[in-house]
Amino acid sequence: MLIDRIRSHVNIGNLIFAISLVFSVWLIYYFYTGFGGSLLLAARLIPVALALQVLFHYKQGYLYKRLPPAVNHVLVAFYLAIAAYAFVYFLFEYDRIAIYSQGTYTTQDFIVGLLMFLLVMELTRLDHPVLFWTNVVMIAYTIYGYVFPRWLDFFWHPGTTFYRVVTSSTVELSTGIYGLYGQLALTLIAAFLLLAGVAEGFNASSAMMNVMRLLIRSRRLIPQTAVLGASAIGLISGSGSASAAVGGTLTIPLMIRYGLPRVTAAAVETSAAMGGLIDPPMMGAAAFIMAEFLGVPYWDVVLRGFGFTFVYYISIGVAIYLVSVRLLPPGAIDKPQVPLYPK
């Protein structure tokens, strides 16, 4: 029957696919038009991203293993309702909150912000307990900074209220959840991850690994692929985080495959990717600010930036090579079994 056929398609996987499709189309539309700017994009899509995170957790298993399944179902529905409520609320109230209120928030604004604040904290606790407790300590310090003695003036401050912590982290859109890092993730990083996803669909990671194995004959030179990849991506993006997100998906598995410890491989990629912040011509957008502040042409700043970037990558390359000599055995690597260009 029709109802049975409909029920057969109603499941977590299809729900994730539908929301992800909306999320992707919205991002592509923004990349094409730039409609509303990054702040409006964050206000729209961060609740959607949180809903996807809840569903991914739920698909992998219950969020809370010690609780009965029925309780897990109710909590997941409650978390999704919070995300949906925040999405709809900011859909209609964005102009008032972002433009007209200017720091004056209603009780309903605070309630929405509090629900989003608690949802983000709970998802952080589930995924990253250390980060969660770090946030708890910093929140407590923000509220109770006045308990420090006056002679510890470096740590002492008059404190603030929990109301102010919540509003500055949520409905004060320029900071907190919807602030710079959320906007960066949804714009610059998302664009490169979208490109990386398309490349992965065409099996680009395997092709890149084969190319690296053809060009680099020694095991100890494998980590240098992170330096080469980060420098190339940094030229385009001017972002350390985007460079790590895109290049790391290729170079970190390659380094681990040839014997580099996982933590070291991640550290190598991170160190190399941070060069994107000083990599001309973007230089993490600092080149534009420096040119404006100094009153010099933009390309004067960019040309001088190449020297600092060259020194940085040479230094990182030498340091990574010394680590590779200590951790990786000498010897050549195996050539790829599949030819680079099949005849």
C-alpha atoms as a PDB file:
ATOM      1  CA  MET A   1       0.000   0.000   0.000  1.00  0.00           C
ATOM      2  CA  LEU A   2       0.953   3.643  -0.435  1.00  0.00           C
ATOM      3  CA  ILE A   3       1.229   4.239   3.310  1.00  0.00           C
ATOM      4  CA  ASP A   4       3.577   1.276   3.707  1.00  0.00           C
ATOM      5  CA  ARG A   5       5.739   2.523   0.847  1.00  0.00           C
ATOM      6  CA  ILE A   6       5.924   5.960   2.445  1.00  0.00           C
ATOM      7  CA  ARG A   7       6.834   4.462   5.815  1.00  0.00           C
ATOM      8  CA  SER A   8       9.598   2.404   4.219  1.00  0.00           C
ATOM      9  CA  HIS A   9      11.299   5.629   3.119  1.00  0.00           C
ATOM     10  CA  VAL A  10      10.902   7.422   6.450  1.00  0.00           C
ATOM     11  CA  ASN A  11      14.109   6.670   8.340  1.00  0.00           C
ATOM     12  CA  ILE A  12      17.095   8.434   9.863  1.00  0.00           C
ATOM     13  CA  GLY A  13      19.266   7.996   6.779  1.00  0.00           C
ATOM     14  CA  ASN A  14      16.755   9.613   4.452  1.00  0.00           C
ATOM     15  CA  LEU A  15      16.109  12.416   6.945  1.00  0.00           C
ATOM     16  CA  ILE A  16      19.838  13.145   7.119  1.00  0.00           C
ATOM     17  CA  PHE A  17      20.002  13.083   3.327  1.00  0.00           C
ATOM     18  CA  ALA A  18      17.084  15.518   2.990  1.00  0.00           C
ATOM     19  CA  ILE A  19      18.464  17.995   5.532  1.00  0.00           C
ATOM     20  CA  SER A  20      21.966  17.699   4.061  1.00  0.00           C
ATOM     21  CA  LEU A  21      20.554  18.400   0.606  1.00  0.00           C
ATOM     22  CA  VAL A  22      18.839  21.562   1.860  1.00  0.00           C
ATOM     23  CA  PHE A  23      22.034  22.544   3.666  1.00  0.00           C
ATOM     24  CA  SER A  24      24.180  22.038   0.547  1.00  0.00           C
ATOM     25  CA  VAL A  25      21.789  23.834  -1.804  1.00  0.00           C
ATOM     26  CA  TRP A  26      21.599  26.768   0.598  1.00  0.00           C
ATOM     27  CA  LEU A  27      25.397  26.968   0.738  1.00  0.00           C
ATOM     28  CA  ILE A  28      25.761  26.756  -3.045  1.00  0.00           C
ATOM     29  CA  TYR A  29      23.166  29.511  -3.446  1.00  0.00           C
ATOM     30  CA  TYR A  30      25.126  31.668  -1.009  1.00  0.00           C
ATOM     31  CA  PHE A  31      28.410  30.993  -2.810  1.00  0.00           C
ATOM     32  CA  TYR A  32      26.774  32.036  -6.074  1.00  0.00           C
ATOM     33  CA  THR A  33      24.973  35.153  -4.836  1.00  0.00           C
ATOM     34  CA  GLY A  34      26.494  36.132  -1.484  1.00  0.00           C
ATOM     35  CA  PHE A  35      22.954  36.954  -0.374  1.00  0.00           C
ATOM     36  CA  GLY A  36      22.748  38.497   3.090  1.00  0.00           C
ATOM     37  CA  GLY A  37      26.398  38.066   4.006  1.00  0.00           C
ATOM     38  CA  SER A  38      28.075  35.533   6.271  1.00  0.00           C
ATOM     39  CA  LEU A  39      26.253  36.629   9.442  1.00  0.00           C
ATOM     40  CA  LEU A  40      22.817  35.948   7.974  1.00  0.00           C
ATOM     41  CA  LEU A  41      24.092  32.630   6.620  1.00  0.00           C
ATOM     42  CA  ALA A  42      25.297  31.613  10.084  1.00  0.00           C
ATOM     43  CA  ALA A  43      21.980  32.594  11.675  1.00  0.00           C
ATOM     44  CA  ARG A  44      20.154  30.416   9.152  1.00  0.00           C
ATOM     45  CA  LEU A  45      22.363  27.343   8.929  1.00  0.00           C
ATOM     46  CA  ILE A  46      23.984  26.814  12.330  1.00  0.00           C
ATOM     47  CA  PRO A  47      20.722  25.397  13.783  1.00  0.00           C
ATOM     48  CA  VAL A  48      20.540  23.111  10.735  1.00  0.00           C
ATOM     49  CA  ALA A  49      24.132  22.002  11.334  1.00  0.00           C
ATOM     50  CA  LEU A  50      23.315  21.218  14.974  1.00  0.00           C
ATOM     51  CA  ALA A  51      20.292  19.171  13.889  1.00  0.00           C
ATOM     52  CA  LEU A  52      22.514  17.186  11.525  1.00  0.00           C
ATOM     53  CA  GLN A  53      25.001  16.587  14.344  1.00  0.00           C
ATOM     54  CA  VAL A  54      22.233  15.202  16.562  1.00  0.00           C
ATOM     55  CA  LEU A  55      21.003  12.925  13.770  1.00  0.00           C
ATOM     56  CA  PHE A  56      24.510  11.647  13.018  1.00  0.00           C
ATOM     57  CA  HIS A  57      24.914  10.731  16.683  1.00  0.00           C
ATOM     58  CA  TYR A  58      21.532   9.037  16.700  1.00  0.00           C
ATOM     59  CA  LYS A  59      22.282   7.051  13.552  1.00  0.00           C
ATOM     60  CA  GLN A  60      25.506   5.678  15.034  1.00  0.00           C
ATOM     61  CA  GLY A  61      23.710   4.572  18.182  1.00  0.00           C
ATOM     62  CA  TYR A  62      21.859   5.993  21.136  1.00  0.00           C
ATOM     63  CA  LEU A  63      23.155   9.298  22.471  1.00  0.00           C
ATOM     64  CA  TYR A  64      23.023   7.999  26.030  1.00  0.00           C
ATOM     65  CA  LYS A  65      23.855   4.309  26.287  1.00  0.00           C
ATOM     66  CA  ARG A  66      22.757   4.017  29.915  1.00  0.00           C
ATOM     67  CA  LEU A  67      19.275   5.382  29.284  1.00  0.00           C
ATOM     68  CA  PRO A  68      16.358   3.368  27.855  1.00  0.00           C
ATOM     69  CA  PRO A  69      15.660   3.647  24.111  1.00  0.00           C
ATOM     70  CA  ALA A  70      12.410   5.528  24.707  1.00  0.00           C
ATOM     71  CA  VAL A  71      14.238   8.232  26.674  1.00  0.00           C
ATOM     72  CA  ASN A  72      16.811   8.538  23.892  1.00  0.00           C
ATOM     73  CA  HIS A  73      14.029   8.957  21.338  1.00  0.00           C
ATOM     74  CA  VAL A  74      12.431  11.719  23.392  1.00  0.00           C
ATOM     75  CA  LEU A  75      15.731  13.548  23.932  1.00  0.00           C
ATOM     76  CA  VAL A  76      16.627  13.399  20.237  1.00  0.00           C
ATOM     77  CA  ALA A  77      13.202  14.777  19.345  1.00  0.00           C
ATOM     78  CA  PHE A  78      13.674  17.521  21.957  1.00  0.00           C
ATOM     79  CA  TYR A  79      17.103  18.487  20.579  1.00  0.00           C
ATOM     80  CA  LEU A  80      15.742  18.587  17.036  1.00  0.00           C
ATOM     81  CA  ALA A  81      12.841  20.726  18.242  1.00  0.00           C
ATOM     82  CA  ILE A  82      15.320  23.214  19.774  1.00  0.00           C
ATOM     83  CA  ALA A  83      17.236  23.459  16.494  1.00  0.00           C
ATOM     84  CA  ALA A  84      14.013  23.863  14.504  1.00  0.00           C
ATOM     85  CA  TYR A  85      12.705  26.490  16.927  1.00  0.00           C
ATOM     86  CA  ALA A  86      15.947  28.497  16.675  1.00  0.00           C
ATOM     87  CA  PHE A  87      15.895  28.225  12.885  1.00  0.00           C
ATOM     88  CA  VAL A  88      12.322  29.514  12.604  1.00  0.00           C
ATOM     89  CA  TYR A  89      12.865  32.189  15.243  1.00  0.00           C
ATOM     90  CA  PHE A  90      15.896  33.700  13.531  1.00  0.00           C
ATOM     91  CA  LEU A  91      14.165  33.343  10.183  1.00  0.00           C
ATOM     92  CA  PHE A  92      11.558  35.875  11.299  1.00  0.00           C
ATOM     93  CA  GLU A  93      13.392  37.879  13.968  1.00  0.00           C
ATOM     94  CA  TYR A  94      16.845  38.267  12.419  1.00  0.00           C
ATOM     95  CA  ASP A  95      16.401  41.892  11.302  1.00  0.00           C
ATOM     96  CA  ARG A  96      15.129  42.981  14.706  1.00  0.00           C
ATOM     97  CA  ILE A  97      17.880  41.198  16.648  1.00  0.00           C
ATOM     98  CA  ALA A  98      20.784  42.052  14.336  1.00  0.00           C
ATOM     99  CA  ILE A  99      19.822  45.615  13.387  1.00  0.00           C
ATOM    100  CA  TYR A 100      17.165  47.240  15.559  1.00  0.00           C
ATOM    101  CA  SER A 101      17.622  45.770  19.051  1.00  0.00           C
ATOM    102  CA  GLN A 102      21.387  46.389  19.270  1.00  0.00           C
ATOM    103  CA  GLY A 103      21.910  44.699  22.633  1.00  0.00           C
ATOM    104  CA  THR A 104      18.371  45.010  23.983  1.00  0.00           C
ATOM    105  CA  TYR A 105      16.845  41.547  24.039  1.00  0.00           C
ATOM    106  CA  THR A 106      13.422  40.272  24.984  1.00  0.00           C
ATOM    107  CA  THR A 107      12.663  37.345  27.261  1.00  0.00           C
ATOM    108  CA  GLN A 108      11.937  35.179  24.240  1.00  0.00           C
ATOM    109  CA  ASP A 109      15.310  36.132  22.743  1.00  0.00           C
ATOM    110  CA  PHE A 110      16.990  34.963  25.934  1.00  0.00           C
ATOM    111  CA  ILE A 111      15.035  31.693  25.979  1.00  0.00           C
ATOM    112  CA  VAL A 112      16.030  30.890  22.390  1.00  0.00           C
ATOM    113  CA  GLY A 113      19.626  31.797  23.150  1.00  0.00           C
ATOM    114  CA  LEU A 114      19.643  29.697  26.321  1.00  0.00           C
ATOM    115  CA  LEU A 115      18.266  26.647  24.510  1.00  0.00           C
ATOM    116  CA  MET A 116      20.889  26.970  21.760  1.00  0.00           C
ATOM    117  CA  PHE A 117      23.612  27.540  24.353  1.00  0.00           C
ATOM    118  CA  LEU A 118      22.678  24.395  26.279  1.00  0.00           C
ATOM    119  CA  LEU A 119      22.354  22.333  23.085  1.00  0.00           C
ATOM    120  CA  VAL A 120      25.829  23.322  21.911  1.00  0.00           C
ATOM    121  CA  MET A 121      27.292  22.607  25.345  1.00  0.00           C
ATOM    122  CA  GLU A 122      25.649  19.169  25.464  1.00  0.00           C
ATOM    123  CA  LEU A 123      26.848  18.215  21.978  1.00  0.00           C
ATOM    124  CA  THR A 124      30.312  19.406  22.997  1.00  0.00           C
ATOM    125  CA  ARG A 125      30.155  17.195  26.095  1.00  0.00           C
ATOM    126  CA  LEU A 126      29.231  14.184  23.973  1.00  0.00           C
ATOM    127  CA  ASP A 127      32.005  14.719  21.426  1.00  0.00           C
ATOM    128  CA  HIS A 128      34.772  16.559  23.274  1.00  0.00           C
ATOM    129  CA  PRO A 129      34.553  16.214  27.088  1.00  0.00           C
ATOM    130  CA  VAL A 130      37.833  18.070  27.665  1.00  0.00           C
ATOM    131  CA  LEU A 131      36.629  21.048  25.641  1.00  0.00           C
ATOM    132  CA  PHE A 132      33.303  20.938  27.486  1.00  0.00           C
ATOM    133  CA  TRP A 133      34.928  21.164  30.921  1.00  0.00           C
ATOM    134  CA  THR A 134      37.273  23.867  29.667  1.00  0.00           C
ATOM    135  CA  ASN A 135      34.208  25.856  28.613  1.00  0.00           C
ATOM    136  CA  VAL A 136      32.583  25.277  32.000  1.00  0.00           C
ATOM    137  CA  VAL A 137      35.668  26.577  33.809  1.00  0.00           C
ATOM    138  CA  MET A 138      35.875  29.633  31.562  1.00  0.00           C
ATOM    139  CA  ILE A 139      32.166  30.381  32.024  1.00  0.00           C
ATOM    140  CA  ALA A 140      32.568  30.138  35.792  1.00  0.00           C
ATOM    141  CA  TYR A 141      35.584  32.451  35.624  1.00  0.00           C
ATOM    142  CA  THR A 142      33.631  34.921  33.490  1.00  0.00           C
ATOM    143  CA  ILE A 143      30.815  35.065  36.041  1.00  0.00           C
ATOM    144  CA  TYR A 144      32.836  34.858  39.278  1.00  0.00           C
ATOM    145  CA  GLY A 145      36.030  36.701  38.372  1.00  0.00           C
ATOM    146  CA  TYR A 146      35.551  38.953  41.403  1.00  0.00           C
ATOM    147  CA  VAL A 147      36.373  36.107  43.831  1.00  0.00           C
ATOM    148  CA  PHE A 148      40.082  36.423  43.015  1.00  0.00           C
ATOM    149  CA  PRO A 149      42.013  38.597  45.473  1.00  0.00           C
ATOM    150  CA  ARG A 150      42.709  42.131  44.395  1.00  0.00           C
ATOM    151  CA  TRP A 151      46.448  41.515  44.528  1.00  0.00           C
ATOM    152  CA  LEU A 152      45.959  38.995  41.714  1.00  0.00           C
ATOM    153  CA  ASP A 153      44.906  41.862  39.490  1.00  0.00           C
ATOM    154  CA  PHE A 154      45.894  39.953  36.363  1.00  0.00           C
ATOM    155  CA  PHE A 155      43.047  37.475  37.027  1.00  0.00           C
ATOM    156  CA  TRP A 156      40.613  39.695  38.901  1.00  0.00           C
ATOM    157  CA  HIS A 157      37.678  41.280  37.119  1.00  0.00           C
ATOM    158  CA  PRO A 158      34.264  42.447  38.352  1.00  0.00           C
ATOM    159  CA  GLY A 159      32.445  39.478  36.834  1.00  0.00           C
ATOM    160  CA  THR A 160      29.238  39.410  34.885  1.00  0.00           C
ATOM    161  CA  THR A 161      25.880  37.648  34.871  1.00  0.00           C
ATOM    162  CA  PHE A 162      24.819  34.352  33.358  1.00  0.00           C
ATOM    163  CA  TYR A 163      22.305  36.336  31.300  1.00  0.00           C
ATOM    164  CA  ARG A 164      25.169  38.253  29.708  1.00  0.00           C
ATOM    165  CA  VAL A 165      27.131  35.049  29.031  1.00  0.00           C
ATOM    166  CA  VAL A 166      24.156  33.519  27.215  1.00  0.00           C
ATOM    167  CA  THR A 167      23.248  36.576  25.166  1.00  0.00           C
ATOM    168  CA  SER A 168      26.844  37.289  24.128  1.00  0.00           C
ATOM    169  CA  SER A 169      27.224  33.651  23.066  1.00  0.00           C
ATOM    170  CA  THR A 170      24.000  33.409  21.055  1.00  0.00           C
ATOM    171  CA  VAL A 171      21.630  36.256  20.212  1.00  0.00           C
ATOM    172  CA  GLU A 172      24.436  38.813  20.071  1.00  0.00           C
ATOM    173  CA  LEU A 173      25.130  37.481  16.621  1.00  0.00           C
ATOM    174  CA  SER A 174      28.574  38.982  16.075  1.00  0.00           C
ATOM    175  CA  THR A 175      30.085  36.819  18.833  1.00  0.00           C
ATOM    176  CA  GLY A 176      29.725  33.310  20.201  1.00  0.00           C
ATOM    177  CA  ILE A 177      27.988  30.541  18.281  1.00  0.00           C
ATOM    178  CA  TYR A 178      27.115  32.745  15.323  1.00  0.00           C
ATOM    179  CA  GLY A 179      30.358  34.722  15.413  1.00  0.00           C
ATOM    180  CA  LEU A 180      33.553  34.707  13.390  1.00  0.00           C
ATOM    181  CA  TYR A 181      34.342  30.994  13.639  1.00  0.00           C
ATOM    182  CA  GLY A 182      30.850  29.878  12.747  1.00  0.00           C
ATOM    183  CA  GLN A 183      30.831  32.219   9.766  1.00  0.00           C
ATOM    184  CA  LEU A 184      34.302  31.059   8.714  1.00  0.00           C
ATOM    185  CA  ALA A 185      33.218  27.423   8.860  1.00  0.00           C
ATOM    186  CA  LEU A 186      30.135  28.069   6.717  1.00  0.00           C
ATOM    187  CA  THR A 187      31.877  30.211   4.107  1.00  0.00           C
ATOM    188  CA  LEU A 188      35.565  29.659   3.456  1.00  0.00           C
ATOM    189  CA  ILE A 189      35.995  26.205   4.994  1.00  0.00           C
ATOM    190  CA  ALA A 190      32.660  24.921   3.661  1.00  0.00           C
ATOM    191  CA  ALA A 191      33.573  25.985   0.131  1.00  0.00           C
ATOM    192  CA  PHE A 192      36.794  24.003   0.198  1.00  0.00           C
ATOM    193  CA  LEU A 193      35.166  21.024   1.907  1.00  0.00           C
ATOM    194  CA  LEU A 194      32.493  21.036  -0.793  1.00  0.00           C
ATOM    195  CA  LEU A 195      35.245  20.967  -3.393  1.00  0.00           C
ATOM    196  CA  ALA A 196      37.023  18.217  -1.464  1.00  0.00           C
ATOM    197  CA  GLY A 197      33.793  16.207  -1.314  1.00  0.00           C
ATOM    198  CA  VAL A 198      33.368  16.424  -5.072  1.00  0.00           C
ATOM    199  CA  ALA A 199      37.002  15.419  -5.535  1.00  0.00           C
ATOM    200  CA  GLU A 200      36.535  12.475  -3.182  1.00  0.00           C
ATOM    201  CA  GLY A 201      33.570  11.348  -5.255  1.00  0.00           C
ATOM    202  CA  PHE A 202      35.950  11.063  -8.205  1.00  0.00           C
ATOM    203  CA  ASN A 203      38.460   9.130  -6.050  1.00  0.00           C
ATOM    204  CA  ALA A 204      40.892  12.039  -6.016  1.00  0.00           C
ATOM    205  CA  SER A 205      42.472  10.954  -2.728  1.00  0.00           C
ATOM    206  CA  SER A 206      43.742   7.694  -4.228  1.00  0.00           C
ATOM    207  CA  ALA A 207      45.011   9.540  -7.283  1.00  0.00           C
ATOM    208  CA  MET A 208      46.827  12.078  -5.093  1.00  0.00           C
ATOM    209  CA  MET A 209      48.420   9.311  -3.048  1.00  0.00           C
ATOM    210  CA  ASN A 210      49.612   7.588  -6.206  1.00  0.00           C
ATOM    211  CA  VAL A 211      51.088  10.848  -7.485  1.00  0.00           C
ATOM    212  CA  MET A 212      52.884  11.461  -4.182  1.00  0.00           C
ATOM    213  CA  ARG A 213      54.289   7.942  -4.194  1.00  0.00           C
ATOM    214  CA  LEU A 214      55.573   8.421  -7.723  1.00  0.00           C
ATOM    215  CA  LEU A 215      57.210  11.757  -6.962  1.00  0.00           C
ATOM    216  CA  ILE A 216      58.572  11.006  -3.490  1.00  0.00           C
ATOM    217  CA  ARG A 217      60.710   7.887  -3.329  1.00  0.00           C
ATOM    218  CA  SER A 218      61.708   7.911   0.344  1.00  0.00           C
ATOM    219  CA  ARG A 219      59.536   7.184   3.363  1.00  0.00           C
ATOM    220  CA  ARG A 220      61.132  10.044   5.246  1.00  0.00           C
ATOM    221  CA  LEU A 221      60.004  12.522   2.617  1.00  0.00           C
ATOM    222  CA  ILE A 222      56.332  11.519   2.824  1.00  0.00           C
ATOM    223  CA  PRO A 223      55.520  14.160   5.507  1.00  0.00           C
ATOM    224  CA  GLN A 224      56.815  16.836   3.144  1.00  0.00           C
ATOM    225  CA  THR A 225      53.631  16.314   1.143  1.00  0.00           C
ATOM    226  CA  ALA A 226      51.833  18.200   3.920  1.00  0.00           C
ATOM    227  CA  VAL A 227      54.149  21.180   3.401  1.00  0.00           C
ATOM    228  CA  LEU A 228      53.728  21.133  -0.374  1.00  0.00           C
ATOM    229  CA  GLY A 229      49.952  20.711  -0.176  1.00  0.00           C
ATOM    230  CA  ALA A 230      49.500  23.366   2.503  1.00  0.00           C
ATOM    231  CA  SER A 231      51.561  25.912   0.591  1.00  0.00           C
ATOM    232  CA  ALA A 232      49.533  25.312  -2.579  1.00  0.00           C
ATOM    233  CA  ILE A 233      46.148  25.499  -0.840  1.00  0.00           C
ATOM    234  CA  GLY A 234      47.259  28.530   1.176  1.00  0.00           C
ATOM    235  CA  LEU A 235      47.978  30.428  -2.032  1.00  0.00           C
ATOM    236  CA  ILE A 236      44.315  30.028  -2.959  1.00  0.00           C
ATOM    237  CA  SER A 237      42.516  30.247   0.377  1.00  0.00           C
ATOM    238  CA  GLY A 238      44.715  32.353   2.642  1.00  0.00           C
ATOM    239  CA  SER A 239      43.291  30.326   5.516  1.00  0.00           C
ATOM    240  CA  GLY A 240      45.059  27.914   7.833  1.00  0.00           C
ATOM    241  CA  SER A 241      41.852  26.140   8.808  1.00  0.00           C
ATOM    242  CA  ALA A 242      40.762  25.628   5.200  1.00  0.00           C
ATOM    243  CA  SER A 243      44.211  24.333   4.307  1.00  0.00           C
ATOM    244  CA  ALA A 244      44.122  21.835   7.171  1.00  0.00           C
ATOM    245  CA  ALA A 245      40.574  20.727   6.363  1.00  0.00           C
ATOM    246  CA  VAL A 246      41.254  20.135   2.670  1.00  0.00           C
ATOM    247  CA  GLY A 247      44.881  19.045   2.599  1.00  0.00           C
ATOM    248  CA  GLY A 248      44.637  17.039   5.797  1.00  0.00           C
ATOM    249  CA  THR A 249      42.078  14.656   4.312  1.00  0.00           C
ATOM    250  CA  LEU A 250      44.777  13.548   1.855  1.00  0.00           C
ATOM    251  CA  THR A 251      48.103  13.972   3.626  1.00  0.00           C
ATOM    252  CA  ILE A 252      47.257  12.706   7.123  1.00  0.00           C
ATOM    253  CA  PRO A 253      46.091   9.235   5.940  1.00  0.00           C
ATOM    254  CA  LEU A 254      49.162   9.074   3.682  1.00  0.00           C
ATOM    255  CA  MET A 255      51.542   9.821   6.572  1.00  0.00           C
ATOM    256  CA  ILE A 256      49.799   7.341   8.869  1.00  0.00           C
ATOM    257  CA  ARG A 257      49.915   4.688   6.160  1.00  0.00           C
ATOM    258  CA  TYR A 258      53.705   4.898   5.999  1.00  0.00           C
ATOM    259  CA  GLY A 259      54.300   4.704   9.728  1.00  0.00           C
ATOM    260  CA  LEU A 260      54.009   8.190  11.205  1.00  0.00           C
ATOM    261  CA  PRO A 261      52.071   8.216  14.513  1.00  0.00           C
ATOM    262  CA  ARG A 262      48.567   9.623  14.260  1.00  0.00           C
ATOM    263  CA  VAL A 263      49.130  12.536  16.626  1.00  0.00           C
ATOM    264  CA  THR A 264      52.385  13.460  14.903  1.00  0.00           C
ATOM    265  CA  ALA A 265      50.741  13.302  11.474  1.00  0.00           C
ATOM    266  CA  ALA A 266      48.004  15.667  12.649  1.00  0.00           C
ATOM    267  CA  ALA A 267      50.603  18.006  14.184  1.00  0.00           C
ATOM    268  CA  VAL A 268      52.626  18.030  10.953  1.00  0.00           C
ATOM    269  CA  GLU A 269      49.559  18.940   8.895  1.00  0.00           C
ATOM    270  CA  THR A 270      48.489  21.629  11.365  1.00  0.00           C
ATOM    271  CA  SER A 271      51.938  23.226  11.457  1.00  0.00           C
ATOM    272  CA  ALA A 272      52.161  23.281   7.674  1.00  0.00           C
ATOM    273  CA  ALA A 273      48.588  24.525   7.242  1.00  0.00           C
ATOM    274  CA  MET A 274      49.122  27.515   9.545  1.00  0.00           C
ATOM    275  CA  GLY A 275      51.362  28.948   6.848  1.00  0.00           C
ATOM    276  CA  GLY A 276      48.189  29.732   4.934  1.00  0.00           C
ATOM    277  CA  LEU A 277      47.659  32.703   7.256  1.00  0.00           C
ATOM    278  CA  ILE A 278      50.771  34.413   5.861  1.00  0.00           C
ATOM    279  CA  ASP A 279      50.630  32.887   2.377  1.00  0.00           C
ATOM    280  CA  PRO A 280      50.270  35.594  -0.311  1.00  0.00           C
ATOM    281  CA  PRO A 281      48.224  36.909  -1.966  1.00  0.00           C
ATOM    282  CA  MET A 282      45.415  36.487   0.614  1.00  0.00           C
ATOM    283  CA  MET A 283      47.474  36.295   3.835  1.00  0.00           C
ATOM    284  CA  GLY A 284      44.349  35.575   5.846  1.00  0.00           C
ATOM    285  CA  ALA A 285      42.857  38.896   4.645  1.00  0.00           C
ATOM    286  CA  ALA A 286      45.582  40.699   6.621  1.00  0.00           C
ATOM    287  CA  ALA A 287      47.206  42.006   3.432  1.00  0.00           C
ATOM    288  CA  PHE A 288      44.185  44.217   2.706  1.00  0.00           C
ATOM    289  CA  ILE A 289      44.151  45.601   6.244  1.00  0.00           C
ATOM    290  CA  MET A 290      47.910  46.207   6.282  1.00  0.00           C
ATOM    291  CA  ALA A 291      47.815  47.995   2.928  1.00  0.00           C
ATOM    292  CA  GLU A 292      44.972  50.226   4.128  1.00  0.00           C
ATOM    293  CA  PHE A 293      46.610  50.934   7.481  1.00  0.00           C
ATOM    294  CA  LEU A 294      50.057  51.695   6.037  1.00  0.00           C
ATOM    295  CA  GLY A 295      48.732  53.595   3.039  1.00  0.00           C
ATOM    296  CA  VAL A 296      50.758  51.538   0.554  1.00  0.00           C
ATOM    297  CA  PRO A 297      49.663  49.583  -2.531  1.00  0.00           C
ATOM    298  CA  TYR A 298      48.275  46.118  -1.860  1.00  0.00           C
ATOM    299  CA  TRP A 299      50.895  44.401  -4.028  1.00  0.00           C
ATOM    300  CA  ASP A 300      53.730  45.987  -2.023  1.00  0.00           C
ATOM    301  CA  VAL A 301      52.497  44.077   1.008  1.00  0.00           C
ATOM    302  CA  VAL A 302      52.003  40.879  -0.986  1.00  0.00           C
ATOM    303  CA  LEU A 303      55.475  40.905  -2.557  1.00  0.00           C
ATOM    304  CA  ARG A 304      57.131  41.347   0.825  1.00  0.00           C
ATOM    305  CA  GLY A 305      54.966  38.597   2.233  1.00  0.00           C
ATOM    306  CA  PHE A 306      56.514  36.025  -0.096  1.00  0.00           C
ATOM    307  CA  GLY A 307      59.842  36.316   1.724  1.00  0.00           C
ATOM    308  CA  PHE A 308      58.350  35.591   5.143  1.00  0.00           C
ATOM    309  CA  THR A 309      56.291  32.740   3.713  1.00  0.00           C
ATOM    310  CA  PHE A 310      59.359  31.177   2.093  1.00  0.00           C
ATOM    311  CA  VAL A 311      61.282  31.302   5.379  1.00  0.00           C
ATOM    312  CA  TYR A 312      58.317  29.799   7.250  1.00  0.00           C
ATOM    313  CA  TYR A 313      57.855  26.835   4.928  1.00  0.00           C
ATOM    314  CA  ILE A 314      61.609  26.144   4.750  1.00  0.00           C
ATOM    315  CA  SER A 315      61.761  26.132   8.570  1.00  0.00           C
ATOM    316  CA  ILE A 316      58.714  23.899   8.871  1.00  0.00           C
ATOM    317  CA  GLY A 317      60.054  21.569   6.173  1.00  0.00           C
ATOM    318  CA  VAL A 318      63.401  21.156   7.954  1.00  0.00           C
ATOM    319  CA  ALA A 319      61.717  20.584  11.329  1.00  0.00           C
ATOM    320  CA  ILE A 320      59.353  18.001   9.840  1.00  0.00           C
ATOM    321  CA  TYR A 321      62.232  16.225   8.121  1.00  0.00           C
ATOM    322  CA  LEU A 322      64.126  15.946  11.421  1.00  0.00           C
ATOM    323  CA  VAL A 323      61.030  14.445  13.043  1.00  0.00           C
ATOM    324  CA  SER A 324      60.684  12.041  10.105  1.00  0.00           C
ATOM    325  CA  VAL A 325      64.297  10.884  10.465  1.00  0.00           C
ATOM    326  CA  ARG A 326      63.635  10.053  14.107  1.00  0.00           C
ATOM    327  CA  LEU A 327      60.290   8.299  13.636  1.00  0.00           C
ATOM    328  CA  LEU A 328      60.336   6.713  10.170  1.00  0.00           C
ATOM    329  CA  PRO A 329      62.646   3.951   8.919  1.00  0.00           C
ATOM    330  CA  PRO A 330      64.828   4.659   5.899  1.00  0.00           C
ATOM    331  CA  GLY A 331      64.143   3.121   2.529  1.00  0.00           C
ATOM    332  CA  ALA A 332      62.165   3.574  -0.626  1.00  0.00           C
ATOM    333  CA  ILE A 333      58.399   3.261  -0.793  1.00  0.00           C
ATOM    334  CA  ASP A 334      56.493   0.892  -3.010  1.00  0.00           C
ATOM    335  CA  LYS A 335      55.336   2.187  -6.344  1.00  0.00           C
ATOM    336  CA  PRO A 336      51.574   2.245  -6.918  1.00  0.00           C
ATOM    337  CA  GLN A 337      50.245  -0.937  -8.443  1.00  0.00           C
ATOM    338  CA  VAL A 338      47.834   0.904 -10.738  1.00  0.00           C
ATOM    339  CA  PRO A 339      49.444   3.093 -13.411  1.00  0.00           C
ATOM    340  CA  LEU A 340      48.851   6.808 -13.073  1.00  0.00           C
ATOM    341  CA  TYR A 341      47.268   7.061 -16.525  1.00  0.00           C
ATOM    342  CA  PRO A 342      45.783   3.735 -17.684  1.00  0.00           C
ATOM    343  CA  LYS A 343      46.440   2.970 -21.328  1.00  0.00           C
END
